[in-house]
């Protein structure tokens, strides 16, 4: 078993977070202003501080890999033509700090959404927030097969559905199918 945390990095570092003061100072922001630290994955200073101050501390506490979520779209990134999903997969997977903590060398592992062709080399992919319907379950089988066509050997789904509660028989079928999927993972909103 491995421990992971679902991370929504596009939100930046907020004043209520335990590492806010240290991260704000490292980024030249006066913590007393309570101005959030903007997420800037193309800024090497931000990425280095984020990895060392925020993520590194969680990894020391036992987080084995990260599940990056919610930063699709290219309208907010400062470098034209850079896909933030692809770029985040690259910077996470190639950062040796994630895979060599405390002198223990670990194999890189990351879970994240589809970042485009060629992005399969970095992460375990997943299909996103699924609706618990029979047609959706049927489609996920096809989706997994086609994911392997572009090099995704490890593909995952929100087994059972993410958005709304799943009827018992449908949930059982999701779990049964998930047992034969490359990655077995349930995930839903608090109301589902």
Protein backbone atom coordinates (compact mmCIF):
# COMPACT_ATOMS: atom_id res chain seq x y z
CA UNK A 1 0.00 0.00 0.00
CA UNK A 2 1.07 3.56 -0.73
CA UNK A 3 -0.08 6.83 0.80
CA UNK A 4 -1.16 9.66 -1.46
CA UNK A 5 -2.75 13.05 -1.07
CA UNK A 6 -5.07 14.70 -3.56
CA UNK A 7 -3.48 18.04 -4.33
CA UNK A 8 -5.17 20.99 -6.05
CA UNK A 9 -2.11 23.15 -6.69
CA UNK A 10 -3.80 25.77 -8.88
CA UNK A 11 -5.24 27.26 -5.68
CA UNK A 12 -1.78 28.43 -4.62
CA UNK A 13 -0.75 28.64 -0.97
CA UNK A 14 -3.51 30.19 1.14
CA UNK A 15 -3.08 32.13 4.42
CA UNK A 16 -4.80 29.39 6.47
CA UNK A 17 -2.29 26.73 5.42
CA UNK A 18 0.32 25.68 7.98
CA UNK A 19 3.26 26.44 5.65
CA UNK A 20 1.89 29.79 4.45
CA UNK A 21 4.19 32.08 6.49
CA UNK A 22 7.34 30.26 5.43
CA UNK A 23 6.28 30.02 1.79
CA UNK A 24 5.14 33.66 1.65
CA UNK A 25 8.48 34.87 3.04
CA UNK A 26 10.38 32.68 0.57
CA UNK A 27 8.40 34.28 -2.26
CA UNK A 28 8.89 37.85 -1.01
CA UNK A 29 5.36 38.27 0.34
CA UNK A 30 4.79 39.78 3.78
CA UNK A 31 2.71 37.12 5.63
CA UNK A 32 0.87 39.80 7.62
CA UNK A 33 -0.86 40.90 4.39
CA UNK A 34 -2.44 37.43 4.13
CA UNK A 35 -2.06 37.69 0.36
CA UNK A 36 -2.11 34.18 -1.04
CA UNK A 37 1.01 32.86 -2.78
CA UNK A 38 0.01 32.42 -6.43
CA UNK A 39 0.66 29.05 -7.99
CA UNK A 40 3.35 29.55 -10.62
CA UNK A 41 4.72 26.26 -11.99
CA UNK A 42 6.94 27.99 -14.57
CA UNK A 43 8.77 30.00 -11.89
CA UNK A 44 11.77 27.98 -10.71
CA UNK A 45 11.92 29.84 -7.37
CA UNK A 46 8.27 29.04 -6.66
CA UNK A 47 8.63 25.38 -7.66
CA UNK A 48 11.81 24.91 -5.60
CA UNK A 49 10.25 26.51 -2.51
CA UNK A 50 6.98 24.64 -2.98
CA UNK A 51 8.81 21.33 -3.24
CA UNK A 52 11.04 21.95 -0.24
CA UNK A 53 8.78 23.88 2.13
CA UNK A 54 5.32 22.48 1.42
CA UNK A 55 5.49 19.12 -0.34
CA UNK A 56 8.76 17.90 1.13
CA UNK A 57 7.41 18.18 4.66
CA UNK A 58 4.39 16.03 3.78
CA UNK A 59 6.66 13.46 2.13
CA UNK A 60 8.74 13.26 5.30
CA UNK A 61 5.50 12.47 7.13
CA UNK A 62 4.89 9.47 4.87
CA UNK A 63 3.33 10.62 1.61
CA UNK A 64 4.61 8.27 -1.09
CA UNK A 65 3.24 10.04 -4.16
CA UNK A 66 1.00 12.89 -5.21
CA UNK A 67 -2.38 12.91 -6.88
CA UNK A 68 -2.51 16.19 -8.77
CA UNK A 69 -5.93 17.45 -9.65
CA UNK A 70 -7.74 20.50 -11.02
CA UNK A 71 -5.42 22.59 -13.15
CA UNK A 72 -6.44 21.89 -16.70
CA UNK A 73 -6.61 24.67 -19.23
CA UNK A 74 -3.92 26.90 -20.56
CA UNK A 75 -5.41 30.32 -19.97
CA UNK A 76 -3.77 30.97 -16.59
CA UNK A 77 -0.19 29.85 -17.22
CA UNK A 78 2.34 32.61 -17.98
CA UNK A 79 4.17 30.89 -20.83
CA UNK A 80 2.23 30.72 -24.12
CA UNK A 81 1.83 27.23 -25.52
CA UNK A 82 2.67 25.45 -22.25
CA UNK A 83 0.07 22.91 -21.16
CA UNK A 84 -0.02 23.15 -17.34
CA UNK A 85 -1.03 19.50 -16.93
CA UNK A 86 1.86 18.24 -19.06
CA UNK A 87 4.31 20.66 -17.40
CA UNK A 88 3.29 19.71 -13.86
CA UNK A 89 3.68 16.04 -14.68
CA UNK A 90 7.17 16.77 -15.97
CA UNK A 91 8.33 18.88 -13.02
CA UNK A 92 6.96 16.42 -10.46
CA UNK A 93 8.32 13.33 -12.12
CA UNK A 94 11.78 14.72 -12.86
CA UNK A 95 12.32 16.34 -9.46
CA UNK A 96 14.80 14.09 -7.61
CA UNK A 97 13.64 15.44 -4.24
CA UNK A 98 10.39 13.51 -4.61
CA UNK A 99 12.13 10.22 -5.19
CA UNK A 100 15.15 10.44 -2.91
CA UNK A 101 13.96 11.46 0.55
CA UNK A 102 16.21 10.69 3.48
CA UNK A 103 18.71 8.82 1.32
CA UNK A 104 16.10 6.27 0.25
CA UNK A 105 15.82 6.03 -3.53
CA UNK A 106 12.26 5.38 -4.67
CA UNK A 107 10.74 4.86 -8.07
CA UNK A 108 8.89 7.93 -9.29
CA UNK A 109 5.12 7.76 -9.12
CA UNK A 110 2.49 10.40 -9.77
CA UNK A 111 -1.21 10.38 -10.51
CA UNK A 112 -2.59 13.10 -12.73
CA UNK A 113 -4.96 13.78 -15.57
CA UNK A 114 -4.30 13.49 -19.29
CA UNK A 115 -1.81 16.11 -20.41
CA UNK A 116 -1.68 15.25 -24.09
CA UNK A 117 0.17 12.78 -26.29
CA UNK A 118 3.59 11.87 -24.90
CA UNK A 119 2.54 12.68 -21.36
CA UNK A 120 2.02 9.02 -20.46
CA UNK A 121 5.67 8.68 -19.50
CA UNK A 122 5.15 10.64 -16.30
CA UNK A 123 2.03 9.60 -14.48
CA UNK A 124 -0.72 7.18 -13.74
CA UNK A 125 -3.58 8.70 -15.68
CA UNK A 126 -7.20 8.84 -14.72
CA UNK A 127 -10.40 9.57 -16.54
CA UNK A 128 -11.61 12.41 -14.36
CA UNK A 129 -14.82 12.81 -12.41
CA UNK A 130 -17.23 10.18 -13.67
CA UNK A 131 -21.01 10.05 -13.37
CA UNK A 132 -22.28 6.75 -11.92
CA UNK A 133 -24.38 5.47 -14.82
CA UNK A 134 -24.37 2.11 -16.58
CA UNK A 135 -23.41 3.87 -19.84
CA UNK A 136 -20.52 5.55 -18.06
CA UNK A 137 -19.23 2.22 -16.70
CA UNK A 138 -19.51 0.75 -20.19
CA UNK A 139 -17.53 3.67 -21.62
CA UNK A 140 -14.76 3.38 -19.01
CA UNK A 141 -13.83 -0.06 -20.33
CA UNK A 142 -13.41 1.42 -23.82
CA UNK A 143 -11.59 4.43 -22.35
CA UNK A 144 -9.06 2.21 -20.57
CA UNK A 145 -8.33 0.26 -23.73
CA UNK A 146 -7.84 3.41 -25.80
CA UNK A 147 -5.63 4.91 -23.08
CA UNK A 148 -3.27 1.98 -23.60
CA UNK A 149 -3.21 2.78 -27.32
CA UNK A 150 -1.30 5.98 -26.53
CA UNK A 151 1.08 4.41 -24.02
CA UNK A 152 -0.84 4.64 -20.75
CA UNK A 153 -0.13 1.29 -19.14
CA UNK A 154 -1.49 2.48 -15.81
CA UNK A 155 -4.92 4.04 -16.07
CA UNK A 156 -7.37 4.70 -13.27
CA UNK A 157 -10.99 5.73 -12.74
CA UNK A 158 -13.18 7.12 -9.98
CA UNK A 159 -14.62 3.65 -9.32
CA UNK A 160 -18.26 3.81 -8.39
CA UNK A 161 -18.68 7.32 -9.74
CA UNK A 162 -17.70 10.70 -8.42
CA UNK A 163 -20.58 13.12 -8.81
CA UNK A 164 -23.67 11.51 -7.26
CA UNK A 165 -24.48 8.41 -5.18
CA UNK A 166 -24.24 5.16 -7.11
CA UNK A 167 -27.04 2.56 -6.92
CA UNK A 168 -25.82 -0.54 -4.99
CA UNK A 169 -25.74 -2.94 -7.95
CA UNK A 170 -23.94 -0.41 -10.16
CA UNK A 171 -21.43 0.32 -7.39
CA UNK A 172 -20.78 -3.41 -7.01
CA UNK A 173 -20.14 -3.74 -10.76
CA UNK A 174 -17.76 -0.77 -10.69
CA UNK A 175 -15.79 -2.39 -7.87
CA UNK A 176 -15.74 -5.75 -9.63
CA UNK A 177 -14.45 -4.14 -12.82
CA UNK A 178 -11.95 -2.10 -10.82
CA UNK A 179 -10.44 -5.28 -9.39
CA UNK A 180 -9.24 -6.07 -12.93
CA UNK A 181 -8.18 -2.53 -13.82
CA UNK A 182 -4.54 -1.42 -13.75
CA UNK A 183 -5.19 0.78 -10.68
CA UNK A 184 -7.96 0.14 -8.13
CA UNK A 185 -9.12 3.49 -6.74
CA UNK A 186 -12.42 4.82 -5.46
CA UNK A 187 -13.01 8.58 -5.28
CA UNK A 188 -16.14 10.67 -4.84
CA UNK A 189 -17.49 13.91 -3.48
CA UNK A 190 -18.65 13.93 0.13
CA UNK A 191 -22.27 13.68 -1.04
CA UNK A 192 -21.72 10.64 -3.23
